[in-house]
Each structure stands twice: as C-alpha cells, then as structure tokens.
Amino acid sequence: MASQVHEFYMAMTCEGCANAAKRVLQKQGDAVTDIQTDVGNKKVTVTSRLTSNELLEILKKTGKEVNYIGVKM
C-alpha cells in the first residue's frame, strides 16, 4: 500500500502528550515515515502506509481521546 497522509484529532494538552503520540507511532518502524503534532489545534498528522484504523488503534495506546479526521490532501 502506498503512503498516505492521515489526520487525527487527539486530546493533547501539552508537549508530553504530543511526545507520547510520537513514541507509539515511531515503534512502527518504516511503516510510518512522518509525524507532525499540533498541540494548539489538537491534531496529529501521520504519513504512513498503515491504514487509518491501524493508526487509530496505535494512537489510542496513549490513553488519550483520539478520532480520525481523514486523509489530508
């Protein structure tokens, strides 16, 4: 599967929350090629060949509320 850019809402309140998202996503190795976090807008943008559902389940491991927004164009 080709890489896509997925956008998620995540209930982040600080850089610690953003770092937690980055940590769980980085464990996926080369399946995730880019991670951008925006604490102010509570968004995580992930470039990956994983599906949105797979990424959603990975981000839920942070214990934060996470919702899929969609594919970013």
N, C-alpha and C. Protein backbone atom coordinates (compact mmCIF):
# COMPACT_ATOMS: atom_id res chain seq x y z
N MET A 1 0.84 -1.18 0.00
CA MET A 1 0.00 0.00 0.00
C MET A 1 0.89 1.25 0.00
N ALA A 2 0.53 2.23 -0.78
CA ALA A 2 1.29 3.48 -0.84
C ALA A 2 1.03 4.31 0.40
N SER A 3 1.98 5.15 0.73
CA SER A 3 1.82 6.03 1.89
C SER A 3 0.74 7.06 1.65
N GLN A 4 0.01 7.36 2.72
CA GLN A 4 -0.99 8.42 2.70
C GLN A 4 -0.77 9.29 3.92
N VAL A 5 -1.29 10.51 3.86
CA VAL A 5 -1.20 11.43 4.99
C VAL A 5 -2.55 11.42 5.70
N HIS A 6 -2.55 10.95 6.94
CA HIS A 6 -3.76 10.82 7.74
C HIS A 6 -3.75 11.88 8.83
N GLU A 7 -4.93 12.43 9.12
CA GLU A 7 -5.05 13.45 10.15
C GLU A 7 -5.98 12.95 11.25
N PHE A 8 -5.55 13.14 12.50
CA PHE A 8 -6.31 12.69 13.66
C PHE A 8 -6.49 13.82 14.64
N TYR A 9 -7.64 13.84 15.30
CA TYR A 9 -7.86 14.70 16.47
C TYR A 9 -7.36 13.89 17.66
N MET A 10 -6.58 14.53 18.53
CA MET A 10 -6.12 13.86 19.74
C MET A 10 -6.17 14.86 20.89
N ALA A 11 -6.76 14.47 21.99
CA ALA A 11 -6.93 15.35 23.15
C ALA A 11 -5.58 15.61 23.83
N MET A 12 -4.74 16.43 23.18
CA MET A 12 -3.42 16.76 23.70
C MET A 12 -3.50 18.08 24.46
N THR A 13 -2.86 18.13 25.62
CA THR A 13 -2.84 19.37 26.40
C THR A 13 -1.43 19.94 26.54
N CYS A 14 -0.41 19.15 26.16
CA CYS A 14 0.96 19.62 26.33
C CYS A 14 1.90 18.86 25.40
N GLU A 15 3.16 19.25 25.41
CA GLU A 15 4.16 18.57 24.58
C GLU A 15 4.37 17.13 25.03
N GLY A 16 4.12 16.85 26.30
CA GLY A 16 4.23 15.47 26.78
C GLY A 16 3.25 14.56 26.06
N CYS A 17 2.04 15.06 25.84
CA CYS A 17 1.02 14.31 25.11
C CYS A 17 1.48 14.09 23.66
N ALA A 18 2.02 15.14 23.06
CA ALA A 18 2.50 15.05 21.68
C ALA A 18 3.64 14.04 21.58
N ASN A 19 4.53 14.06 22.56
CA ASN A 19 5.64 13.11 22.57
C ASN A 19 5.16 11.68 22.74
N ALA A 20 4.10 11.48 23.51
CA ALA A 20 3.53 10.13 23.67
C ALA A 20 3.02 9.61 22.33
N ALA A 21 2.36 10.48 21.56
CA ALA A 21 1.88 10.09 20.24
C ALA A 21 3.05 9.72 19.34
N LYS A 22 4.09 10.53 19.37
CA LYS A 22 5.27 10.26 18.54
C LYS A 22 5.92 8.94 18.92
N ARG A 23 6.02 8.67 20.22
CA ARG A 23 6.66 7.43 20.69
C ARG A 23 5.94 6.19 20.18
N VAL A 24 4.61 6.16 20.31
CA VAL A 24 3.89 4.95 19.90
C VAL A 24 3.95 4.78 18.37
N LEU A 25 3.93 5.88 17.64
CA LEU A 25 3.99 5.80 16.18
C LEU A 25 5.38 5.42 15.69
N GLN A 26 6.43 5.90 16.34
CA GLN A 26 7.79 5.58 15.93
C GLN A 26 8.12 4.10 16.11
N LYS A 27 7.39 3.42 16.97
CA LYS A 27 7.60 1.98 17.18
C LYS A 27 7.19 1.17 15.95
N GLN A 28 6.52 1.81 14.98
CA GLN A 28 6.06 1.10 13.78
C GLN A 28 7.15 1.01 12.71
N GLY A 29 8.32 1.54 13.00
CA GLY A 29 9.45 1.45 12.08
C GLY A 29 9.19 2.22 10.79
N ASP A 30 9.57 1.61 9.67
CA ASP A 30 9.46 2.31 8.39
C ASP A 30 8.04 2.36 7.84
N ALA A 31 7.07 1.80 8.55
CA ALA A 31 5.67 1.91 8.13
C ALA A 31 5.15 3.32 8.34
N VAL A 32 5.79 4.08 9.23
CA VAL A 32 5.44 5.47 9.48
C VAL A 32 6.64 6.31 9.06
N THR A 33 6.44 7.22 8.10
CA THR A 33 7.57 8.00 7.58
C THR A 33 7.61 9.44 8.08
N ASP A 34 6.48 9.97 8.58
CA ASP A 34 6.49 11.34 9.10
C ASP A 34 5.37 11.50 10.13
N ILE A 35 5.69 12.25 11.19
CA ILE A 35 4.72 12.53 12.26
C ILE A 35 4.79 14.02 12.57
N GLN A 36 3.66 14.69 12.50
CA GLN A 36 3.57 16.10 12.86
C GLN A 36 2.51 16.25 13.94
N THR A 37 2.85 16.96 15.00
CA THR A 37 1.87 17.20 16.07
C THR A 37 1.61 18.70 16.20
N ASP A 38 0.38 19.04 16.48
CA ASP A 38 -0.03 20.42 16.68
C ASP A 38 -0.88 20.46 17.95
N VAL A 39 -0.23 20.75 19.07
CA VAL A 39 -0.91 20.73 20.37
C VAL A 39 -2.04 21.76 20.41
N GLY A 40 -1.80 22.95 19.87
CA GLY A 40 -2.79 24.01 19.89
C GLY A 40 -4.09 23.63 19.22
N ASN A 41 -4.00 22.94 18.08
CA ASN A 41 -5.18 22.51 17.34
C ASN A 41 -5.57 21.07 17.63
N LYS A 42 -4.80 20.42 18.52
CA LYS A 42 -5.06 19.03 18.93
C LYS A 42 -5.10 18.09 17.72
N LYS A 43 -4.11 18.21 16.84
CA LYS A 43 -4.05 17.37 15.64
C LYS A 43 -2.73 16.63 15.55
N VAL A 44 -2.82 15.41 15.07
CA VAL A 44 -1.65 14.60 14.76
C VAL A 44 -1.77 14.23 13.28
N THR A 45 -0.74 14.53 12.52
CA THR A 45 -0.71 14.21 11.10
C THR A 45 0.36 13.16 10.89
N VAL A 46 -0.02 12.04 10.26
CA VAL A 46 0.87 10.90 10.11
C VAL A 46 0.95 10.50 8.65
N THR A 47 2.17 10.40 8.13
CA THR A 47 2.39 9.85 6.79
C THR A 47 2.79 8.40 6.98
N SER A 48 1.99 7.49 6.42
CA SER A 48 2.20 6.07 6.68
C SER A 48 1.56 5.21 5.60
N ARG A 49 2.06 3.98 5.51
CA ARG A 49 1.42 3.00 4.63
C ARG A 49 0.42 2.14 5.41
N LEU A 50 0.30 2.39 6.72
CA LEU A 50 -0.69 1.69 7.53
C LEU A 50 -2.07 2.28 7.26
N THR A 51 -3.12 1.52 7.55
CA THR A 51 -4.48 2.03 7.35
C THR A 51 -4.85 3.00 8.46
N SER A 52 -5.89 3.78 8.23
CA SER A 52 -6.35 4.72 9.24
C SER A 52 -6.77 3.99 10.51
N ASN A 53 -7.40 2.83 10.37
CA ASN A 53 -7.82 2.06 11.54
C ASN A 53 -6.63 1.56 12.35
N GLU A 54 -5.58 1.11 11.65
CA GLU A 54 -4.37 0.66 12.35
C GLU A 54 -3.74 1.82 13.10
N LEU A 55 -3.64 2.97 12.47
CA LEU A 55 -3.06 4.14 13.11
C LEU A 55 -3.90 4.61 14.29
N LEU A 56 -5.21 4.56 14.14
CA LEU A 56 -6.12 4.95 15.22
C LEU A 56 -5.89 4.08 16.45
N GLU A 57 -5.81 2.77 16.25
CA GLU A 57 -5.58 1.85 17.37
C GLU A 57 -4.23 2.09 18.03
N ILE A 58 -3.21 2.42 17.24
CA ILE A 58 -1.88 2.72 17.79
C ILE A 58 -1.95 3.98 18.64
N LEU A 59 -2.60 5.02 18.14
CA LEU A 59 -2.69 6.28 18.89
C LEU A 59 -3.52 6.13 20.15
N LYS A 60 -4.49 5.24 20.16
CA LYS A 60 -5.31 5.01 21.36
C LYS A 60 -4.47 4.45 22.51
N LYS A 61 -3.32 3.87 22.21
CA LYS A 61 -2.45 3.33 23.25
C LYS A 61 -1.90 4.42 24.15
N THR A 62 -2.01 5.68 23.73
CA THR A 62 -1.55 6.80 24.57
C THR A 62 -2.51 7.05 25.73
N GLY A 63 -3.73 6.51 25.64
CA GLY A 63 -4.73 6.74 26.67
C GLY A 63 -5.53 8.02 26.46
N LYS A 64 -5.24 8.72 25.38
CA LYS A 64 -5.95 9.97 25.08
C LYS A 64 -7.12 9.68 24.14
N GLU A 65 -8.09 10.60 24.15
CA GLU A 65 -9.20 10.51 23.20
C GLU A 65 -8.64 10.79 21.81
N VAL A 66 -8.94 9.90 20.86
CA VAL A 66 -8.42 10.05 19.50
C VAL A 66 -9.56 9.77 18.52
N ASN A 67 -9.67 10.62 17.51
CA ASN A 67 -10.65 10.43 16.44
C ASN A 67 -9.99 10.67 15.10
N TYR A 68 -10.41 9.91 14.11
CA TYR A 68 -9.87 10.05 12.76
C TYR A 68 -10.59 11.20 12.07
N ILE A 69 -9.83 12.12 11.50
CA ILE A 69 -10.40 13.25 10.75
C ILE A 69 -10.53 12.86 9.28
N GLY A 70 -9.44 12.34 8.69
CA GLY A 70 -9.49 11.94 7.29
C GLY A 70 -8.12 12.01 6.66
N VAL A 71 -8.10 11.71 5.35
CA VAL A 71 -6.88 11.78 4.57
C VAL A 71 -6.65 13.23 4.21
N LYS A 72 -5.44 13.69 4.45
CA LYS A 72 -5.09 15.08 4.15
C LYS A 72 -4.63 15.16 2.71
N MET A 73 -5.20 16.09 1.99
CA MET A 73 -4.85 16.27 0.57
C MET A 73 -3.79 17.33 0.41
